[in-house]
Protein backbone atom coordinates (compact mmCIF):
# COMPACT_ATOMS: atom_id res chain seq x y z
CA MET A 1 189.49 132.24 98.61
CA GLY A 2 189.30 136.14 97.99
CA ARG A 3 191.24 135.53 94.48
CA LEU A 4 188.80 132.97 93.40
CA ARG A 5 185.68 134.18 91.41
CA ARG A 6 184.10 130.72 91.05
CA ARG A 7 184.33 127.43 92.59
CA TYR A 8 182.07 123.94 91.20
CA ALA A 9 181.09 121.55 92.86
CA VAL A 10 179.21 119.12 90.22
CA SER A 11 177.43 115.17 91.00
CA CYS A 12 177.79 115.52 94.82
CA HIS A 13 174.69 112.99 94.63
CA LEU A 14 177.80 110.37 94.03
CA ALA A 15 180.19 111.72 96.93
CA SER A 16 177.69 111.33 99.77
CA SER A 17 180.28 110.69 102.31
CA TRP A 18 181.57 113.96 101.18
CA MET A 19 178.39 115.82 101.96
CA PRO A 20 178.42 116.40 105.75
CA ARG A 21 182.35 118.00 104.48
CA LEU A 22 181.09 120.52 102.31
CA GLU A 23 178.00 121.74 104.86
CA ALA A 24 180.74 122.42 107.15
CA ILE A 25 183.20 124.21 104.86
CA VAL A 26 180.27 126.16 103.98
CA GLU A 27 178.47 126.96 107.50
CA GLN A 28 182.25 128.86 107.56
CA TYR A 29 182.43 131.39 104.40
CA ASP A 30 181.97 135.15 106.08
CA PRO A 31 181.10 137.63 103.74
CA ASP A 32 183.06 140.02 105.66
CA THR A 33 185.92 138.19 103.94
CA MET A 34 185.19 136.90 100.76
CA HIS A 35 185.51 138.40 97.61
CA ARG A 36 181.59 140.38 96.29
CA ASP A 37 181.43 138.21 93.23
CA PHE A 38 182.92 134.84 94.54
CA ARG A 39 179.78 132.18 93.35
CA LEU A 40 179.62 128.47 94.81
CA TRP A 41 178.11 126.16 91.63
CA LEU A 42 176.67 122.83 92.78
CA THR A 43 175.02 120.76 90.89
CA SER A 44 173.71 117.59 92.65
CA MET A 45 170.41 115.01 91.07
CA PRO A 46 167.67 114.63 93.58
CA SER A 47 169.27 113.63 97.29
CA ASP A 48 167.83 112.71 99.86
CA LEU A 49 172.00 113.37 101.35
CA PHE A 50 171.88 116.76 100.25
CA PRO A 51 172.69 119.03 102.88
CA VAL A 52 169.44 120.30 103.42
CA SER A 53 170.99 123.73 105.09
CA ILE A 54 172.96 124.43 102.07
CA LEU A 55 169.57 124.01 100.18
CA GLN A 56 167.42 127.05 102.07
CA ASN A 57 170.53 129.35 101.97
CA SER A 58 170.90 128.46 97.74
CA VAL A 59 169.24 129.85 94.80
CA LYS A 60 167.72 126.64 92.95
CA MET A 61 167.99 126.64 89.29
CA THR A 62 166.26 122.98 87.82
CA THR A 63 166.81 121.98 84.39
CA GLU A 64 163.69 120.10 83.51
CA PRO A 65 161.72 119.06 79.64
CA PRO A 66 160.22 121.82 78.25
CA ARG A 67 155.68 120.88 78.06
CA GLY A 68 154.90 120.30 74.79
CA VAL A 69 155.70 119.20 71.50
CA LYS A 70 156.30 122.15 70.03
CA ALA A 71 158.73 123.37 72.82
CA ASN A 72 160.90 119.99 72.13
CA LEU A 73 161.12 120.90 69.21
CA SER A 74 162.05 124.13 69.26
CA VAL A 75 164.72 123.20 72.17
CA CYS A 76 166.13 121.03 69.66
CA TYR A 77 166.40 122.74 66.41
CA LEU A 78 168.09 125.65 68.44
CA ASN A 79 171.74 124.37 68.09
CA TYR A 80 171.90 123.49 64.86
CA THR A 81 172.91 125.64 61.85
CA ASP A 82 172.70 126.02 58.57
CA ALA A 83 175.77 124.29 57.95
CA TYR A 84 176.10 120.99 59.76
CA LEU A 85 171.58 120.80 58.68
CA ASP A 86 173.76 120.56 54.41
CA ASN A 87 175.31 117.09 55.70
CA PRO A 88 178.28 116.52 52.74
CA HIS A 89 177.14 113.18 51.83
CA LYS A 90 172.98 113.38 51.83
CA PRO A 91 172.11 116.72 52.73
CA VAL A 92 168.19 115.78 52.00
CA GLU A 93 167.93 112.93 53.76
CA PHE A 94 170.15 113.95 56.45
CA LYS A 95 167.22 116.65 57.09
CA LYS A 96 164.23 114.83 56.94
CA CYS A 97 166.06 111.87 58.96
CA LEU A 98 166.45 114.54 61.73
CA TYR A 99 163.57 115.91 62.00
CA ALA A 100 161.88 112.72 62.60
CA VAL A 101 164.02 111.78 65.20
CA CYS A 102 162.69 115.01 66.61
CA PHE A 103 159.72 114.68 66.44
CA PHE A 104 159.91 111.01 67.52
CA HIS A 105 161.77 112.51 70.84
CA ALA A 106 159.70 115.24 71.16
CA LEU A 107 156.68 112.61 70.86
CA LEU A 108 158.73 109.98 73.85
CA GLN A 109 159.37 114.01 76.58
CA ASP A 110 155.55 114.40 75.84
CA ARG A 111 153.76 111.26 76.35
CA ARG A 112 155.30 110.99 79.92
CA LYS A 113 152.24 113.73 80.97
CA PHE A 114 149.81 110.55 80.38
CA GLY A 115 150.93 108.66 83.53
CA PRO A 116 150.71 105.05 83.34
CA LEU A 117 148.81 105.34 79.58
CA GLY A 118 151.96 106.97 78.44
CA PHE A 119 154.85 104.92 80.03
CA ASN A 120 154.22 101.69 82.22
CA ILE A 121 157.17 103.02 83.94
CA GLY A 122 158.00 107.00 84.08
CA TYR A 123 161.36 107.29 82.18
CA GLU A 124 164.40 110.11 81.95
CA PHE A 125 165.05 110.10 78.36
CA THR A 126 167.47 113.14 78.22
CA ASN A 127 168.66 114.80 75.79
CA SER A 128 172.43 113.08 75.84
CA ASP A 129 169.55 109.85 74.38
CA LEU A 130 169.17 112.26 71.02
CA LYS A 131 172.47 113.70 70.20
CA CYS A 132 173.50 109.89 70.73
CA SER A 133 170.98 108.64 67.85
CA ILE A 134 171.68 112.48 65.59
CA LEU A 135 175.19 111.25 66.33
CA GLN A 136 174.75 107.94 64.55
CA LEU A 137 172.46 109.36 62.23
CA GLU A 138 175.26 111.40 60.88
CA ASN A 139 178.14 108.85 60.61
CA PHE A 140 175.66 106.64 58.79
CA MET A 141 174.89 108.42 56.45
CA GLY A 142 178.51 108.96 54.71
CA LYS A 143 178.65 105.06 54.75
CA TYR A 144 176.28 103.53 53.25
CA GLU A 145 174.84 104.12 50.35
CA LYS A 146 171.29 104.62 50.64
CA VAL A 147 170.05 105.14 54.86
CA PRO A 148 169.93 102.41 56.83
CA TYR A 149 166.51 102.52 59.16
CA LYS A 150 166.57 99.28 60.22
CA VAL A 151 170.44 99.48 61.48
CA LEU A 152 169.03 103.12 62.91
CA GLN A 153 165.65 101.83 64.59
CA ASN A 154 167.00 99.12 66.50
CA LEU A 155 170.29 101.31 67.56
CA VAL A 156 167.44 104.59 68.52
CA CYS A 157 164.95 101.80 70.30
CA HIS A 158 167.00 99.23 71.67
CA ILE A 159 170.68 101.03 71.95
CA ASN A 160 169.97 105.16 72.76
CA TYR A 161 166.42 105.07 74.64
CA GLY A 162 166.18 101.43 74.60
CA GLY A 163 168.77 101.17 77.87
CA ARG A 164 166.70 103.18 80.14
CA ILE A 165 163.84 100.69 79.48
CA THR A 166 163.14 97.74 82.09
CA ASP A 167 159.44 97.46 80.37
CA ASP A 168 159.06 95.39 77.28
CA TRP A 169 154.93 96.38 76.67
CA ASP A 170 156.65 100.36 77.16
CA ARG A 171 159.68 99.08 74.70
CA ARG A 172 157.66 98.11 71.80
CA MET A 173 155.25 101.01 72.40
CA VAL A 174 158.68 103.11 71.56
CA MET A 175 159.43 101.34 69.20
CA THR A 176 155.88 101.10 67.94
CA LEU A 177 156.02 105.43 68.10
CA LEU A 178 160.11 104.98 65.85
CA LEU A 179 158.74 102.86 63.56
CA SER A 180 155.75 105.28 62.45
CA VAL A 181 158.72 108.30 61.59
CA LEU A 182 161.19 107.39 60.63
CA ASN A 183 161.28 105.14 57.68
CA GLU A 184 161.73 105.04 54.06
CA GLN A 185 158.07 106.93 53.45
CA ILE A 186 160.45 110.47 55.52
CA GLU A 187 161.47 110.83 52.62
CA GLU A 188 158.89 111.88 50.92
CA ASP A 189 157.07 116.05 51.85
CA GLY A 190 154.47 115.71 53.82
CA PHE A 191 154.68 112.69 55.01
CA PRO A 192 152.40 112.35 58.37
CA LEU A 193 154.02 112.02 61.26
CA ALA A 194 150.63 112.69 63.33
CA PRO A 195 147.68 113.17 62.33
CA GLY A 196 147.07 116.77 61.24
CA GLU A 197 148.18 119.16 59.25
CA PRO A 198 151.39 120.61 61.26
CA TYR A 199 152.34 117.18 61.83
CA LYS A 200 153.66 116.41 58.86
CA SER A 201 156.38 116.32 56.74
CA PRO A 202 158.15 119.26 56.12
CA PRO A 203 160.33 120.03 52.24
CA ALA A 204 164.35 120.22 53.29
CA GLY A 205 165.02 123.45 53.28
CA ASN A 206 167.49 125.99 55.38
CA LEU A 207 166.78 126.16 59.03
CA ALA A 208 164.50 129.09 58.85
CA SER A 209 162.50 126.92 57.14
CA TYR A 210 162.68 124.69 60.17
CA ARG A 211 161.29 127.18 62.82
CA GLU A 212 158.39 128.26 60.66
CA VAL A 213 157.49 125.47 60.57
CA ILE A 214 157.55 124.20 64.36
CA SER A 215 155.64 127.54 64.62
CA LYS A 216 152.73 126.69 63.51
CA ILE A 217 152.28 123.22 65.36
CA PRO A 218 149.98 123.97 68.28
CA LEU A 219 150.82 124.42 71.90
CA ASN A 220 148.78 122.14 72.85
CA PRO A 221 148.39 118.86 71.12
CA HIS A 222 145.78 116.32 70.99
CA PRO A 223 146.50 113.09 72.27
CA ASN A 224 146.41 111.32 69.36
CA VAL A 225 149.49 113.29 68.46
CA PHE A 226 150.86 110.63 70.43
CA GLY A 227 148.70 108.26 68.95
CA LEU A 228 145.98 107.76 72.44
CA HIS A 229 142.75 108.15 72.22
CA GLU A 230 140.71 111.70 73.21
CA ASN A 231 140.00 110.29 76.90
CA ALA A 232 143.33 110.48 77.76
CA ASP A 233 143.33 114.30 78.23
CA ILE A 234 140.88 113.78 80.90
CA ALA A 235 142.50 110.24 82.59
CA CYS A 236 145.38 113.30 82.68
CA ALA A 237 143.24 115.96 84.11
CA GLN A 238 142.02 113.45 86.70
CA ALA A 239 145.19 111.92 88.09
CA GLU A 240 146.55 115.80 88.37
CA THR A 241 143.17 116.05 90.58
CA THR A 242 143.94 113.53 92.97
CA GLN A 243 147.74 114.56 93.30
CA LEU A 244 146.33 117.32 94.23
CA CYS A 245 143.21 116.65 96.23
CA GLU A 246 145.63 114.13 98.27
CA ILE A 247 148.57 116.77 98.89
CA MET A 248 145.92 119.15 100.22
CA LEU A 249 144.37 116.11 102.74
CA SER A 250 147.84 115.50 104.18
CA LEU A 251 148.01 119.36 105.25
CA GLN A 252 144.69 119.38 106.63
CA ALA A 253 144.55 119.91 110.02
CA GLN A 254 143.46 117.14 112.72
CA SER A 255 141.77 118.27 114.60
CA SER A 256 138.36 120.12 114.56
CA SER A 257 137.27 123.38 116.53
CA GLY A 258 134.03 123.86 114.93
CA GLY A 259 132.10 122.12 116.98
CA GLY A 260 132.28 119.03 114.08
CA LYS A 261 133.16 115.24 114.98
CA SER A 262 136.43 114.88 116.26
CA ARG A 263 139.25 113.09 115.11
CA ASP A 264 138.84 109.88 117.24
CA ASP A 265 134.71 110.15 116.85
CA VAL A 266 135.45 109.73 113.21
CA VAL A 267 138.34 106.80 113.63
CA ARG A 268 135.72 105.13 116.10
CA GLU A 269 133.18 105.08 113.65
CA VAL A 270 134.74 103.52 111.06
CA ALA A 271 136.46 100.80 113.00
CA VAL A 272 133.37 99.98 114.60
CA SER A 273 131.37 100.16 111.09
CA MET A 274 134.13 98.00 109.47
CA GLN A 275 134.43 94.91 112.47
CA GLU A 276 130.60 94.52 111.16
CA ARG A 277 131.27 93.00 108.11
CA ASN A 278 132.06 90.29 110.77
CA LEU A 279 135.34 88.75 108.18
CA VAL A 280 135.88 85.23 109.29
CA LEU A 281 138.92 82.88 108.21
CA PHE A 282 138.64 80.31 106.69
CA SER A 283 138.69 76.64 107.78
CA LEU A 284 141.72 75.16 106.17
CA ASP A 285 141.56 71.64 108.15
CA ASP A 286 137.49 71.66 106.35
CA VAL A 287 139.38 72.98 102.78
CA SER A 288 141.62 70.63 102.85
CA LYS A 289 139.29 67.68 103.30
CA GLN A 290 137.10 69.22 101.37
CA TYR A 291 139.41 69.36 98.52
CA PRO A 292 142.23 67.09 99.16
CA ILE A 293 145.46 67.59 96.90
CA SER A 294 145.01 65.94 94.22
CA TYR A 295 147.04 65.16 91.33
CA SER A 296 144.60 65.09 88.24
CA GLU A 297 142.75 68.58 90.03
CA SER A 298 145.21 71.53 90.16
CA MET A 299 142.38 73.87 91.25
CA ASN A 300 142.15 72.12 94.75
CA THR A 301 145.56 73.32 95.18
CA VAL A 302 145.12 77.22 94.67
CA LEU A 303 142.04 77.49 96.55
CA ALA A 304 143.68 76.09 99.04
CA GLN A 305 146.67 78.73 98.34
CA GLU A 306 144.08 81.51 98.54
CA CYS A 307 142.06 80.62 101.23
CA ALA A 308 145.29 80.86 103.40
CA ARG A 309 146.44 84.15 101.67
CA TYR A 310 143.27 85.69 102.75
CA ASN A 311 143.47 84.76 106.31
CA ALA A 312 146.71 86.56 106.83
CA LEU A 313 144.86 89.52 105.84
CA ILE A 314 141.40 88.72 107.76
CA ALA A 315 143.63 87.82 110.91
CA VAL A 316 145.70 91.26 110.46
CA PHE A 317 142.79 93.33 109.38
CA ASN A 318 141.01 91.89 112.78
CA ARG A 319 143.40 92.32 115.24
CA SER A 320 144.17 95.84 113.99
CA LEU A 321 140.97 96.91 114.26
CA ALA A 322 140.18 96.19 117.88
CA ASP A 323 143.99 97.11 118.82
CA VAL A 324 143.26 100.43 117.10
CA LEU A 325 139.48 100.89 119.29
CA LYS A 326 141.57 99.71 123.09
CA ALA A 327 144.27 102.56 122.38
CA LEU A 328 140.95 104.89 121.65
CA LYS A 329 139.72 103.82 125.34
CA GLY A 330 142.96 103.73 126.81
CA LEU A 331 143.07 100.35 127.33
CA VAL A 332 146.61 100.34 125.49
CA VAL A 333 149.31 102.29 124.15
CA MET A 334 148.54 103.99 121.21
CA SER A 335 151.66 102.58 119.52
CA ALA A 336 153.47 104.44 116.03
CA GLU A 337 151.45 101.26 113.18
CA LEU A 338 148.67 102.09 115.83
CA ASP A 339 148.74 105.67 114.89
CA SER A 340 148.95 105.04 111.81
CA VAL A 341 146.35 102.51 111.36
CA ALA A 342 143.60 105.29 113.10
CA GLU A 343 145.16 107.92 110.28
CA SER A 344 144.36 106.09 107.53
CA LEU A 345 141.30 105.27 108.26
CA TYR A 346 140.31 109.45 109.03
CA THR A 347 141.63 109.83 105.28
CA ASN A 348 140.18 107.34 103.76
CA GLN A 349 143.10 105.15 102.32
CA VAL A 350 144.04 101.79 102.89
CA PRO A 351 146.80 101.13 105.81
CA ALA A 352 149.89 100.22 105.28
CA MET A 353 149.30 97.37 107.51
CA TRP A 354 146.96 95.81 105.27
CA SER A 355 149.03 96.53 102.79
CA LYS A 356 151.58 94.65 103.17
CA LYS A 357 148.99 91.86 103.72
CA ALA A 358 146.97 92.06 100.70
CA TYR A 359 147.21 92.10 96.81
CA PRO A 360 147.30 95.41 94.37
CA SER A 361 145.24 97.49 94.72
CA LEU A 362 144.71 101.15 94.38
CA LYS A 363 141.12 101.41 95.43
CA PRO A 364 140.13 104.07 98.37
CA LEU A 365 139.87 102.15 101.99
CA ALA A 366 135.58 102.72 101.47
CA SER A 367 135.48 100.81 98.13
CA TRP A 368 138.90 98.37 99.07
CA ILE A 369 136.92 96.74 102.15
CA ASP A 370 133.77 95.85 99.37
CA ASP A 371 136.21 94.88 96.73
CA LEU A 372 137.45 92.68 100.34
CA VAL A 373 134.18 91.31 101.17
CA GLU A 374 132.89 90.41 97.88
CA ARG A 375 136.29 88.58 97.14
CA ILE A 376 135.36 86.58 100.50
CA SER A 377 132.28 85.62 99.02
CA PHE A 378 133.81 84.55 95.72
CA ILE A 379 135.89 81.57 97.51
CA LYS A 380 133.67 80.98 100.26
CA ALA A 381 131.17 80.04 97.28
CA TRP A 382 134.11 78.25 95.82
CA ILE A 383 134.19 76.72 98.71
CA ASP A 384 130.40 75.64 99.43
CA GLY A 385 128.81 75.52 95.71
CA GLY A 386 132.17 73.15 93.98
CA LYS A 387 134.10 75.19 90.90
CA PRO A 388 132.22 77.82 89.42
CA PRO A 389 131.19 77.64 85.77
CA ALA A 390 133.05 81.13 86.18
CA TYR A 391 136.27 82.12 87.82
CA TRP A 392 136.59 85.96 88.67
CA ILE A 393 140.49 86.63 87.88
CA SER A 394 139.89 89.59 90.14
CA GLY A 395 139.15 87.57 92.79
CA PHE A 396 142.06 85.72 92.92
CA PHE A 397 145.17 86.98 95.40
CA PHE A 398 148.13 85.14 93.35
CA PRO A 399 146.01 84.61 90.11
CA GLN A 400 149.06 83.05 87.83
CA ALA A 401 148.75 80.16 90.36
CA PHE A 402 145.10 80.11 89.09
CA LEU A 403 146.50 80.83 85.06
CA THR A 404 149.76 77.76 85.89
CA GLY A 405 146.89 75.19 87.84
CA THR A 406 145.13 75.71 85.03
CA LEU A 407 147.42 74.46 82.33
CA GLN A 408 148.51 71.11 84.67
CA ASN A 409 145.14 70.01 84.59
CA TYR A 410 144.83 69.50 80.97
CA ALA A 411 149.11 69.19 80.57
CA ARG A 412 147.89 65.44 82.92
CA LYS A 413 144.50 65.06 81.52
CA TYR A 414 146.37 64.21 77.92
CA THR A 415 149.51 63.16 79.56
CA ILE A 416 151.69 66.12 77.65
CA SER A 417 154.56 67.78 78.58
CA ILE A 418 153.17 71.41 80.43
CA ASP A 419 156.03 73.42 78.39
CA THR A 420 154.33 73.13 75.00
CA VAL A 421 151.11 74.19 76.12
CA ASN A 422 149.59 77.24 75.62
CA PHE A 423 146.50 79.24 75.87
CA ASP A 424 143.90 79.70 72.87
CA PHE A 425 141.85 82.76 73.49
CA ASN A 426 138.42 83.17 73.23
CA VAL A 427 136.07 86.18 73.67
CA LEU A 428 132.41 84.74 74.43
CA LYS A 429 129.20 86.48 72.98
CA LYS A 430 127.73 84.90 76.42
CA SER A 431 127.44 87.46 79.51
CA LYS A 432 128.83 85.03 83.08
CA ASP A 433 125.23 85.08 84.49
CA GLU A 434 124.72 82.97 80.83
CA LEU A 435 127.59 80.27 82.15
CA SER A 436 126.07 77.49 83.89
CA GLU A 437 128.54 74.96 84.04
CA GLY A 438 132.49 75.30 82.52
CA PRO A 439 134.13 73.97 79.89
CA ALA A 440 135.97 70.31 79.00
CA ASP A 441 139.80 71.71 78.19
CA GLY A 442 140.31 75.49 79.79
CA CYS A 443 137.83 77.86 81.86
CA TYR A 444 136.03 80.43 81.31
CA ILE A 445 137.48 83.80 83.41
CA HIS A 446 135.62 86.76 83.55
CA GLY A 447 135.69 90.22 85.83
CA MET A 448 138.14 92.60 83.38
CA PHE A 449 137.91 96.07 82.61
CA LEU A 450 139.44 97.49 79.20
CA GLU A 451 141.17 100.78 78.98
CA GLY A 452 141.84 102.57 75.74
CA ALA A 453 139.34 100.88 73.54
CA ALA A 454 135.88 99.19 73.85
CA TRP A 455 134.44 95.91 72.89
CA ASP A 456 132.21 95.72 69.78
CA THR A 457 129.34 92.89 70.63
CA ALA A 458 127.86 92.78 66.88
CA GLN A 459 131.39 92.63 65.22
CA HIS A 460 133.48 90.53 67.77
CA THR A 461 136.36 92.94 67.51
CA LEU A 462 138.34 95.92 69.22
CA MET A 463 136.54 99.42 68.39
CA GLU A 464 137.50 103.23 69.18
CA ALA A 465 136.16 103.99 72.36
CA ARG A 466 133.39 105.96 73.58
CA PRO A 467 133.63 110.00 74.16
CA LYS A 468 134.16 110.28 78.48
CA GLU A 469 133.74 106.29 78.63
CA LEU A 470 137.51 105.71 80.39
CA TYR A 471 136.97 102.47 81.44
CA SER A 472 134.28 99.32 79.94
CA ALA A 473 133.49 95.44 80.88
CA PHE A 474 135.19 93.57 79.28
CA PRO A 475 133.25 89.57 78.65
CA PRO A 476 134.17 87.14 79.27
CA ILE A 477 137.34 84.93 77.98
CA TRP A 478 137.67 81.20 77.50
CA LEU A 479 141.38 79.85 78.01
CA ASN A 480 141.42 77.47 76.05
CA PRO A 481 144.93 75.20 75.88
CA LYS A 482 146.50 74.32 73.07
CA VAL A 483 149.27 72.32 72.08
CA ASN A 484 151.99 73.34 69.95
CA ARG A 485 150.06 76.66 69.57
CA LYS A 486 151.70 79.06 66.55
CA ASP A 487 150.98 82.38 67.47
CA PRO A 488 148.68 84.48 65.36
CA THR A 489 150.12 86.83 62.53
CA GLU A 490 147.32 88.67 61.48
CA GLY A 491 144.05 89.91 63.27
CA VAL A 492 145.01 90.43 66.54
CA TYR A 493 146.23 92.81 69.35
CA SER A 494 148.75 90.70 72.42
CA CYS A 495 146.73 92.51 74.91
CA PRO A 496 148.41 92.89 78.39
CA VAL A 497 146.40 92.05 81.15
CA TYR A 498 147.13 94.30 84.58
CA LYS A 499 146.09 93.64 87.64
CA THR A 500 145.60 97.78 88.67
CA LEU A 501 146.17 100.47 86.52
CA GLN A 502 149.04 101.71 87.56
CA ARG A 503 150.67 98.90 85.40
CA ALA A 504 153.89 99.33 86.54
CA GLY A 505 154.95 96.55 89.14
CA THR A 506 158.25 95.29 90.84
CA LEU A 507 160.38 93.27 88.04
CA SER A 508 159.67 89.49 88.74
CA THR A 509 162.26 86.64 88.21
CA THR A 510 159.97 85.69 84.96
CA GLY A 511 161.20 89.23 83.12
CA HIS A 512 157.29 90.36 84.19
CA SER A 513 155.91 93.12 85.80
CA THR A 514 154.55 91.81 89.32
CA ASN A 515 151.62 93.92 87.51
CA PHE A 516 151.67 92.00 84.91
CA VAL A 517 149.06 88.82 84.32
CA LEU A 518 148.87 87.81 81.25
CA MET A 519 148.67 88.38 77.36
CA VAL A 520 145.65 87.90 75.82
CA GLU A 521 144.57 87.84 72.77
CA LEU A 522 142.04 90.14 71.05
CA PRO A 523 140.63 90.41 67.56
CA SER A 524 141.17 93.54 65.77
CA MET A 525 140.22 94.90 62.51
CA GLU A 526 143.22 97.76 62.56
CA PRO A 527 145.29 96.21 60.14
CA CYS A 528 148.35 95.21 61.06
CA SER A 529 151.79 96.97 61.44
CA GLY A 530 154.08 95.59 58.36
CA LEU A 531 157.15 96.34 60.51
CA PHE A 532 160.21 94.11 60.68
CA SER A 533 160.76 94.78 64.45
CA ARG A 534 160.01 91.36 66.53
CA TYR A 535 157.60 93.38 68.82
CA VAL A 536 155.31 95.10 66.23
CA GLU A 537 155.55 92.84 63.28
CA THR A 538 152.13 90.58 64.47
CA PHE A 539 150.62 93.44 66.26
CA SER A 540 148.86 96.41 65.65
CA SER A 541 150.35 99.36 66.29
CA HIS A 542 146.87 101.49 65.99
CA TRP A 543 146.22 99.81 69.47
CA ILE A 544 149.69 99.80 70.93
CA LYS A 545 150.14 103.66 70.50
CA ARG A 546 146.45 104.18 72.07
CA ALA A 547 148.11 101.41 75.41
CA VAL A 548 144.97 99.21 75.16
CA ALA A 549 144.89 96.73 78.16
CA LEU A 550 143.06 94.50 80.78
CA PHE A 551 143.24 95.67 84.06
CA CYS A 552 141.17 93.22 86.64
CA SER A 553 141.10 96.24 89.14
CA LEU A 554 139.96 100.03 88.96
CA ASN A 555 140.49 102.41 91.48
CA TYR A 556 137.67 103.51 92.85
């Protein structure tokens, strides 16, 4: 032991069964009998199984990507030399493409700070992805007479970086970013990689010239460098503030010593106020009699399913509130489950017991209960007054069933295969209050919110978002079923619709996220990208970079 100056243990997270043995070895170390220069180096990914005692007695070092495009580019060019940049086959083209790939890597790394606006799912892109891309770039320079941009684009996006991407909308965005920097025009001096003079492609030079160009890049880039609207900075700051407030809330004292209301008093008041909402179960028998299962009307089945889902939530809601009030009086035992509900009521959060039976939502408790009452009122109005002229898509527990039912009604009405039917999308110029009756085919939907852009009612197209307006109400849409419908090749933006602002969800058997509802084609006056990729060739790259999306529910 005394002869060894250093000892290494790499990737401890992969040897979870050996961690207790490691902890025992470290506990047996005696400083008096060990060499004064002995060090034990351990590397591990974040893991719950790593011994806490070792962490407490060790010096921690973490490796994280730097913040900002400038810092990321600087790190990329630390390991290069002038001899490496002078590629023997195509030195000029190699330097140009190398800068484009490094700039693309920097964009992806720093775009993650915008949360769901940056990526639906946070991916851990590493320097290994960049190294693989550069090795391929170096290899192909000698194998092709001209730079194979299409080959490089596919390898970099779909293989090197795309191997981590599980969301197809993220893949579309990553490909759009790559195509905007790595293409034939990169060989021109001054080609804009992003808006702004510092982000133009520099002339092919030596390593010192590239470092000088990088030094002139602003430390804090504007959101338009990533293709985002300036409102993205506001959303990023709000997310950080919300996270900080949640941490502070979790650390606050659970009792008051200043003469204010105690925790039990607050929980009791909140529980009583929620009980006064008087949420009553739907009578499934009455609903089945009034809206029997019919071959020609799938909406009856959708309505019955929605009532059953809401009944499960209402039952848990009423029972847990009554049990919490009894526990506060000492009539029943305050179990761990009830204590969790009481703690959530105290901190204005939706209890986990309710969330398991509820629809996806990011709202705090006060807004969540208002939203629940409004959803139940929507279902009651449907039961009492028949099918509404326009459906509030945000009020559905499972909107995908409603969309499928709409297609089924059309397919059964005209006796055609449902596999050949798809929606045609028409944004209406009327508000939901002006719609007195539904369409002959399809349905009207309303209640969605637009992020990343705004709707121009005069031009009937997407427009830039207004300053400091993060979300805007969207007009009703007519989902008009069509047989063998062909996708438009220009003049539209394929906009995803999500249930919540989180965008990410569990990957379902259909290949889509459980948070994803459908894709809506919105009119756009922005030019199409005109690029080869099947992910972006029919879509406006401007709105893809903006991460424009529709949402059924906000977080307030």
